[in-house]
Amino acid sequence: MRRGLRFLPPALLLLTLLELAVFVLVGRAVGFGAALLLVFAASLLGLVLLRREGMRAWRGFRAAAQAGQPPGQQVTDGLVGLAGALLLALPGLVSGVVGLLLLGPPLRRLAAGGVRRSTERRVSSMVAGDLFGPRRVRVYPGAPQPPPASPAQPPAGPPQPGPAIEGEIVDR
């Protein structure tokens, strides 16, 4: 994680230069005043959506918790919605377009799936099970492996995978 932080300042500088270049291009195409009004309207819409998405995420989380269901899907959907609204609220045309795309259902589901997979990799399987419920895994049936006779004896080799079988396991 710390290795990726060293790229943050150059990335922010490039993003700022990209935002400026796009603003100048749009300003030349439609006029400076219209481009400025477009940025202002997108930021205002982002602020309104930020409040709405925050309330929506909180209601979804509370409803899942009261129903005794894992709240992970509502939390990830809410985080993606909040990120989209925040990007829309930032002054800039590129960030506004990315924010609008994140608020749309297809990209929102895709981004929420990525957030879920990333979270499952970073937390223990018990916490992931509590957040997201049981996970679907692939099980490859094969010949059972005999237990090792002694710790000094090397294993016989990797099992030969058979056809995949979909199933659910609960990590508890």
Protein backbone atom coordinates (compact mmCIF):
# COMPACT_ATOMS: atom_id res chain seq x y z
CA MET A 1 0.00 0.00 0.00
CA ARG A 2 2.78 2.43 0.88
CA ARG A 3 4.53 1.79 -2.42
CA GLY A 4 1.49 3.04 -4.31
CA LEU A 5 1.40 6.29 -2.32
CA ARG A 6 4.61 7.52 -3.90
CA PHE A 7 2.74 7.82 -7.22
CA LEU A 8 0.00 9.99 -5.71
CA PRO A 9 1.62 13.46 -6.16
CA PRO A 10 2.53 12.89 -9.84
CA ALA A 11 -0.92 11.40 -10.48
CA LEU A 12 -2.63 14.43 -8.92
CA LEU A 13 -0.47 16.75 -10.99
CA LEU A 14 -1.36 14.87 -14.19
CA LEU A 15 -5.05 14.90 -13.26
CA THR A 16 -4.92 18.67 -12.70
CA LEU A 17 -3.22 19.21 -16.06
CA LEU A 18 -5.78 16.96 -17.76
CA GLU A 19 -8.67 18.87 -16.14
CA LEU A 20 -7.17 22.19 -17.30
CA ALA A 21 -6.61 20.95 -20.84
CA VAL A 22 -10.18 19.62 -21.11
CA PHE A 23 -11.58 22.86 -19.68
CA VAL A 24 -9.64 24.92 -22.24
CA LEU A 25 -10.81 22.66 -25.09
CA VAL A 26 -14.45 22.83 -23.97
CA GLY A 27 -14.09 26.58 -23.38
CA ARG A 28 -12.88 27.08 -26.95
CA ALA A 29 -15.73 24.94 -28.29
CA VAL A 30 -18.68 26.42 -26.38
CA GLY A 31 -17.25 29.57 -24.84
CA PHE A 32 -15.59 30.34 -21.51
CA GLY A 33 -18.78 31.37 -19.73
CA ALA A 34 -20.67 28.24 -20.80
CA ALA A 35 -17.77 26.00 -19.75
CA LEU A 36 -17.59 27.71 -16.37
CA LEU A 37 -21.35 27.36 -15.94
CA LEU A 38 -21.10 23.66 -16.85
CA VAL A 39 -18.42 23.07 -14.19
CA PHE A 40 -20.46 24.99 -11.60
CA ALA A 41 -23.68 23.09 -12.41
CA ALA A 42 -21.88 19.71 -12.24
CA SER A 43 -20.40 20.61 -8.84
CA LEU A 44 -23.78 21.72 -7.51
CA LEU A 45 -25.40 18.50 -8.77
CA GLY A 46 -22.58 16.53 -7.11
CA LEU A 47 -23.23 18.21 -3.77
CA VAL A 48 -26.94 17.39 -3.96
CA LEU A 49 -26.20 13.79 -4.95
CA LEU A 50 -23.58 13.47 -2.21
CA ARG A 51 -26.26 14.03 0.42
CA ARG A 52 -28.74 11.74 -1.33
CA GLU A 53 -26.22 8.92 -1.81
CA GLY A 54 -25.07 9.19 1.80
CA MET A 55 -28.64 8.89 3.08
CA ARG A 56 -29.33 6.02 0.68
CA ALA A 57 -26.23 4.14 1.84
CA TRP A 58 -27.13 4.65 5.50
CA ARG A 59 -30.73 3.45 5.00
CA GLY A 60 -29.52 0.38 3.10
CA PHE A 61 -27.03 -0.46 5.82
CA ARG A 62 -29.62 -0.07 8.58
CA ALA A 63 -32.20 -2.15 6.71
CA ALA A 64 -29.72 -5.00 6.19
CA ALA A 65 -28.60 -4.86 9.82
CA GLN A 66 -32.18 -4.90 11.11
CA ALA A 67 -33.07 -7.82 8.83
CA GLY A 68 -30.06 -9.77 10.11
CA GLN A 69 -28.47 -9.92 6.64
CA PRO A 70 -24.82 -9.21 5.83
CA PRO A 71 -24.56 -5.47 5.04
CA GLY A 72 -21.56 -5.76 2.70
CA GLN A 73 -23.44 -5.27 -0.58
CA GLN A 74 -25.22 -2.15 0.69
CA VAL A 75 -21.95 -0.78 2.06
CA THR A 76 -20.01 -1.31 -1.18
CA ASP A 77 -22.86 0.08 -3.28
CA GLY A 78 -23.04 3.09 -0.97
CA LEU A 79 -19.28 3.66 -1.13
CA VAL A 80 -19.29 3.60 -4.92
CA GLY A 81 -22.27 5.99 -4.99
CA LEU A 82 -20.54 8.34 -2.56
CA ALA A 83 -17.33 8.22 -4.61
CA GLY A 84 -19.28 9.03 -7.77
CA ALA A 85 -21.08 11.94 -6.12
CA LEU A 86 -17.82 13.23 -4.65
CA LEU A 87 -16.11 13.11 -8.04
CA LEU A 88 -19.06 14.97 -9.51
CA ALA A 89 -18.85 17.59 -6.75
CA LEU A 90 -15.17 18.26 -7.44
CA PRO A 91 -14.70 21.14 -9.85
CA GLY A 92 -13.64 19.66 -13.16
CA LEU A 93 -15.13 18.19 -16.29
CA VAL A 94 -13.16 14.92 -16.34
CA SER A 95 -13.90 14.12 -12.70
CA GLY A 96 -17.55 15.04 -13.32
CA VAL A 97 -17.85 12.60 -16.22
CA VAL A 98 -16.19 9.82 -14.20
CA GLY A 99 -18.52 10.60 -11.28
CA LEU A 100 -21.59 10.43 -13.53
CA LEU A 101 -20.40 7.12 -14.96
CA LEU A 102 -19.95 5.69 -11.46
CA LEU A 103 -23.51 6.69 -10.58
CA GLY A 104 -24.91 4.74 -13.54
CA PRO A 105 -26.06 1.19 -12.72
CA PRO A 106 -23.75 -0.86 -15.02
CA LEU A 107 -20.47 0.75 -13.95
CA ARG A 108 -21.69 1.05 -10.37
CA ARG A 109 -22.22 -2.74 -10.15
CA LEU A 110 -18.84 -3.36 -11.75
CA ALA A 111 -17.05 -0.99 -9.35
CA ALA A 112 -18.93 -2.42 -6.34
CA GLY A 113 -17.77 -5.91 -7.34
CA GLY A 114 -14.20 -4.66 -7.49
CA VAL A 115 -14.50 -3.05 -4.07
CA ARG A 116 -15.94 -6.30 -2.69
CA ARG A 117 -13.15 -8.45 -4.14
CA SER A 118 -10.52 -6.04 -2.86
CA THR A 119 -12.07 -6.05 0.60
CA GLU A 120 -12.28 -9.85 0.68
CA ARG A 121 -8.56 -10.07 -0.12
CA ARG A 122 -7.60 -7.63 2.62
CA VAL A 123 -9.68 -8.93 5.54
CA SER A 124 -9.89 -12.34 7.18
CA SER A 125 -12.34 -14.86 5.76
CA MET A 126 -14.41 -14.63 8.94
CA VAL A 127 -14.86 -10.87 8.58
CA ALA A 128 -15.57 -11.24 4.85
CA GLY A 129 -18.23 -13.83 5.65
CA ASP A 130 -19.82 -11.49 8.19
CA LEU A 131 -19.79 -8.63 5.69
CA PHE A 132 -20.83 -10.37 2.49
CA GLY A 133 -22.32 -13.68 3.57
CA PRO A 134 -21.26 -17.09 2.28
CA ARG A 135 -19.00 -17.08 -0.77
CA ARG A 136 -19.29 -19.20 -3.88
CA VAL A 137 -16.18 -21.23 -4.52
CA ARG A 138 -15.08 -23.79 -7.08
CA VAL A 139 -14.31 -27.24 -5.80
CA TYR A 140 -12.26 -29.58 -7.97
CA PRO A 141 -12.93 -33.21 -7.10
CA GLY A 142 -9.99 -35.50 -7.43
CA ALA A 143 -8.54 -38.60 -5.98
CA PRO A 144 -8.25 -38.28 -2.20
CA GLN A 145 -4.69 -37.77 -1.05
CA PRO A 146 -3.38 -40.11 1.63
CA PRO A 147 -2.22 -38.37 4.78
CA PRO A 148 1.55 -38.05 5.04
CA ALA A 149 3.16 -40.86 7.04
CA SER A 150 5.75 -38.60 8.61
CA PRO A 151 6.69 -34.93 8.41
CA ALA A 152 9.96 -35.81 6.65
CA GLN A 153 8.18 -37.56 3.76
CA PRO A 154 7.44 -35.17 0.82
CA PRO A 155 3.87 -34.99 -0.51
CA ALA A 156 2.96 -37.31 -3.41
CA GLY A 157 2.27 -34.44 -5.79
CA PRO A 158 -0.51 -32.02 -6.66
CA PRO A 159 -4.01 -33.46 -7.05
CA GLN A 160 -5.33 -33.77 -10.57
CA PRO A 161 -8.23 -31.32 -11.01
CA GLY A 162 -11.53 -32.70 -12.23
CA PRO A 163 -14.52 -30.76 -13.53
CA ALA A 164 -15.43 -27.68 -11.47
CA ILE A 165 -18.41 -27.92 -9.17
CA GLU A 166 -20.08 -24.74 -7.94
CA GLY A 167 -20.97 -24.69 -4.27
CA GLU A 168 -21.23 -22.57 -1.19
CA ILE A 169 -19.20 -22.75 1.95
CA VAL A 170 -19.71 -20.73 5.05
CA ASP A 171 -16.57 -19.42 6.70
CA ARG A 172 -17.36 -19.65 10.39
